[in-house]
Amino acid sequence: MKKWAVIHDFRIEHKGRVAQIDHLIINRFLEIFVIETKNFSADLQINEVGEFTAWYHKKPIGIASPLVQNEKHIAVLKDLINSSPMPTRLGISLTPSFSNIVMLSNHQRITRPKKIDSQNIIKAEQIKDWLTKTNVDNASIIHIFSSMAKNGQQRNSNGNRRNDCQAALPIDA
């Protein structure tokens, strides 16, 4: 894939803060997609105030918001980037933009509230459509995400099954 970098399991330590980013996708214009993957064996519900609940065997269990978790990752990444010299194009310093994406297993059911914008919470198989809706006009990035949904469950190098969120972002991309 030309002009895109795909990084998996990226750990940042900066000024005493740590971010463990599941997937990071960066293009040459510094459009940065920070993807948090979740693979619950439960249904996911988001209430009207943005609280997340996982339903295991009809029992609700409150969980931390993966959107908030990813916002914290983005804050550390922004701080690190702001403390570094930025590349330029035609003498103009590039300013990175960040997209917060939560990718869930294809098998999860998501109950979404009407008053909360949850468009960045998507299933692995929906990522191509999500990118199309956000007007990302680059065939290579759409190819990356198309292969994510097609990969489904695969085996890692140890022979263990990876969940479909892990398999969705190809390591050799």
Protein backbone atom coordinates (compact mmCIF):
# COMPACT_ATOMS: atom_id res chain seq x y z
CA MET A 1 0.00 0.00 0.00
CA LYS A 2 1.39 3.25 -1.12
CA LYS A 3 1.42 6.36 1.00
CA TRP A 4 -0.13 4.77 4.12
CA ALA A 5 1.43 3.33 7.25
CA VAL A 6 -0.40 0.69 9.28
CA ILE A 7 0.88 0.06 12.79
CA HIS A 8 -0.50 -2.59 15.14
CA ASP A 9 -0.17 -2.77 18.95
CA PHE A 10 1.56 0.59 19.19
CA ARG A 11 2.66 1.62 22.70
CA ILE A 12 3.59 5.23 23.44
CA GLU A 13 5.15 6.56 26.63
CA HIS A 14 5.37 10.33 26.73
CA LYS A 15 5.77 12.68 29.71
CA GLY A 16 4.65 10.02 32.17
CA ARG A 17 1.56 9.06 30.17
CA VAL A 18 1.07 5.80 28.30
CA ALA A 19 -1.15 4.89 25.35
CA GLN A 20 -1.59 1.36 24.02
CA ILE A 21 -3.11 1.82 20.57
CA ASP A 22 -4.54 -1.27 18.88
CA HIS A 23 -4.23 0.01 15.31
CA LEU A 24 -2.88 3.26 13.90
CA ILE A 25 -3.23 4.23 10.25
CA ILE A 26 -1.42 7.31 8.95
CA ASN A 27 -1.28 8.77 5.45
CA ARG A 28 1.20 11.23 3.98
CA PHE A 29 -1.12 14.14 4.76
CA LEU A 30 -1.06 13.17 8.47
CA GLU A 31 -4.65 11.98 8.56
CA ILE A 32 -4.41 9.63 11.52
CA PHE A 33 -6.98 6.92 12.25
CA VAL A 34 -6.72 5.61 15.82
CA ILE A 35 -8.63 2.34 16.07
CA GLU A 36 -9.58 0.68 19.35
CA THR A 37 -10.79 -2.90 18.87
CA LYS A 38 -13.19 -4.66 21.21
CA ASN A 39 -14.26 -8.27 20.87
CA PHE A 40 -16.86 -8.93 23.52
CA SER A 41 -18.83 -12.14 23.65
CA ALA A 42 -21.74 -9.99 24.73
CA ASP A 43 -24.13 -7.47 23.24
CA LEU A 44 -23.15 -3.84 23.63
CA GLN A 45 -25.54 -1.08 24.67
CA ILE A 46 -24.85 2.63 24.76
CA ASN A 47 -27.27 4.75 26.78
CA GLU A 48 -28.41 8.35 26.24
CA VAL A 49 -25.52 9.78 28.31
CA GLY A 50 -22.83 7.72 26.56
CA GLU A 51 -22.39 4.98 29.15
CA PHE A 52 -21.54 1.51 27.84
CA THR A 53 -23.05 -1.74 29.07
CA ALA A 54 -22.10 -5.25 27.99
CA TRP A 55 -24.86 -7.83 28.33
CA TYR A 56 -23.52 -11.27 29.34
CA HIS A 57 -26.22 -13.96 29.61
CA LYS A 58 -28.91 -11.29 30.08
CA LYS A 59 -26.93 -9.63 32.90
CA PRO A 60 -25.76 -6.05 32.42
CA ILE A 61 -22.16 -5.17 33.24
CA GLY A 62 -21.01 -1.57 32.98
CA ILE A 63 -17.80 -1.10 31.02
CA ALA A 64 -15.49 1.83 30.42
CA SER A 65 -16.24 3.77 27.25
CA PRO A 66 -13.92 2.64 24.45
CA LEU A 67 -14.46 6.08 22.84
CA VAL A 68 -13.16 7.83 25.95
CA GLN A 69 -10.31 5.30 26.18
CA ASN A 70 -9.35 6.09 22.60
CA GLU A 71 -9.63 9.85 23.20
CA LYS A 72 -7.00 9.42 25.92
CA HIS A 73 -4.79 7.56 23.43
CA ILE A 74 -5.25 10.39 20.94
CA ALA A 75 -4.37 12.99 23.61
CA VAL A 76 -1.04 11.27 24.32
CA LEU A 77 -0.35 10.92 20.60
CA LYS A 78 -1.18 14.61 20.00
CA ASP A 79 1.10 15.66 22.85
CA LEU A 80 3.93 13.56 21.42
CA ILE A 81 3.40 14.92 17.90
CA ASN A 82 3.20 18.52 19.14
CA SER A 83 6.58 18.12 20.85
CA SER A 84 8.20 16.95 17.59
CA PRO A 85 9.10 18.86 14.43
CA MET A 86 6.38 18.47 11.81
CA PRO A 87 7.00 17.65 8.14
CA THR A 88 6.23 20.26 5.51
CA ARG A 89 4.73 20.23 2.03
CA LEU A 90 5.70 23.18 -0.19
CA GLY A 91 7.06 24.97 2.86
CA ILE A 92 3.83 24.64 4.85
CA SER A 93 3.92 22.64 8.07
CA LEU A 94 1.39 19.80 8.06
CA THR A 95 -1.15 19.65 10.85
CA PRO A 96 -2.33 16.15 11.76
CA SER A 97 -6.02 15.30 11.99
CA PHE A 98 -7.27 12.45 14.15
CA SER A 99 -10.21 10.07 13.81
CA ASN A 100 -11.40 8.09 16.82
CA ILE A 101 -12.74 4.72 15.69
CA VAL A 102 -13.97 1.80 17.81
CA MET A 103 -14.14 -1.44 15.86
CA LEU A 104 -16.22 -4.30 17.20
CA SER A 105 -16.54 -7.95 16.29
CA ASN A 106 -18.89 -8.72 13.41
CA HIS A 107 -20.89 -10.95 15.76
CA GLN A 108 -21.79 -8.30 18.32
CA ARG A 109 -25.15 -6.58 18.51
CA ILE A 110 -24.95 -2.85 19.20
CA THR A 111 -27.85 -0.92 20.73
CA ARG A 112 -27.33 2.78 19.99
CA PRO A 113 -29.06 5.79 21.50
CA LYS A 114 -30.69 8.33 19.21
CA LYS A 115 -29.21 11.39 20.94
CA ILE A 116 -25.55 10.28 20.97
CA ASP A 117 -23.39 10.26 17.84
CA SER A 118 -22.07 6.71 17.66
CA GLN A 119 -21.13 6.61 13.97
CA ASN A 120 -17.49 5.90 14.86
CA ILE A 121 -18.46 2.66 16.62
CA ILE A 122 -18.52 0.12 13.83
CA LYS A 123 -18.25 -3.57 13.13
CA ALA A 124 -15.18 -4.81 11.30
CA GLU A 125 -17.23 -5.64 8.21
CA GLN A 126 -18.62 -2.08 8.04
CA ILE A 127 -15.36 -0.19 7.96
CA LYS A 128 -15.25 0.22 4.17
CA ASP A 129 -18.71 1.81 4.18
CA TRP A 130 -17.72 3.99 7.13
CA LEU A 131 -14.75 5.34 5.22
CA THR A 132 -16.87 6.00 2.16
CA LYS A 133 -19.33 8.01 4.28
CA THR A 134 -16.52 10.05 5.79
CA ASN A 135 -15.32 10.92 2.28
CA VAL A 136 -11.91 9.29 2.50
CA ASP A 137 -11.10 9.25 -1.19
CA ASN A 138 -8.13 6.93 -1.45
CA ALA A 139 -8.30 3.51 -3.06
CA SER A 140 -5.44 2.10 -0.99
CA ILE A 141 -7.05 2.85 2.37
CA ILE A 142 -10.37 1.44 1.20
CA HIS A 143 -8.46 -1.66 0.10
CA ILE A 144 -6.98 -2.00 3.60
CA PHE A 145 -10.37 -1.88 5.24
CA SER A 146 -12.06 -4.06 2.64
CA SER A 147 -9.59 -6.81 3.41
CA MET A 148 -10.30 -6.35 7.12
CA ALA A 149 -13.89 -7.46 6.77
CA LYS A 150 -13.01 -10.32 4.41
CA ASN A 151 -10.39 -11.82 6.69
CA GLY A 152 -12.83 -12.77 9.46
CA GLN A 153 -11.25 -15.16 11.91
CA GLN A 154 -7.74 -16.31 11.04
CA ARG A 155 -4.97 -18.09 12.82
CA ASN A 156 -1.94 -16.20 14.06
CA SER A 157 1.63 -17.48 13.75
CA ASN A 158 1.18 -19.62 16.88
CA GLY A 159 -1.84 -21.39 15.38
CA ASN A 160 -4.28 -19.67 17.76
CA ARG A 161 -7.44 -18.07 16.45
CA ARG A 162 -7.42 -14.30 16.28
CA ASN A 163 -10.70 -12.47 16.71
CA ASP A 164 -12.16 -10.84 13.62
CA CYS A 165 -11.15 -7.37 14.81
CA GLN A 166 -7.51 -8.44 14.97
CA ALA A 167 -7.74 -10.23 11.65
CA ALA A 168 -9.41 -7.24 10.06
CA LEU A 169 -6.22 -5.19 9.98
CA PRO A 170 -3.71 -7.22 7.97
CA ILE A 171 -0.26 -7.23 9.53
CA ASP A 172 1.49 -7.41 6.18
CA ALA A 173 -0.44 -4.46 4.75
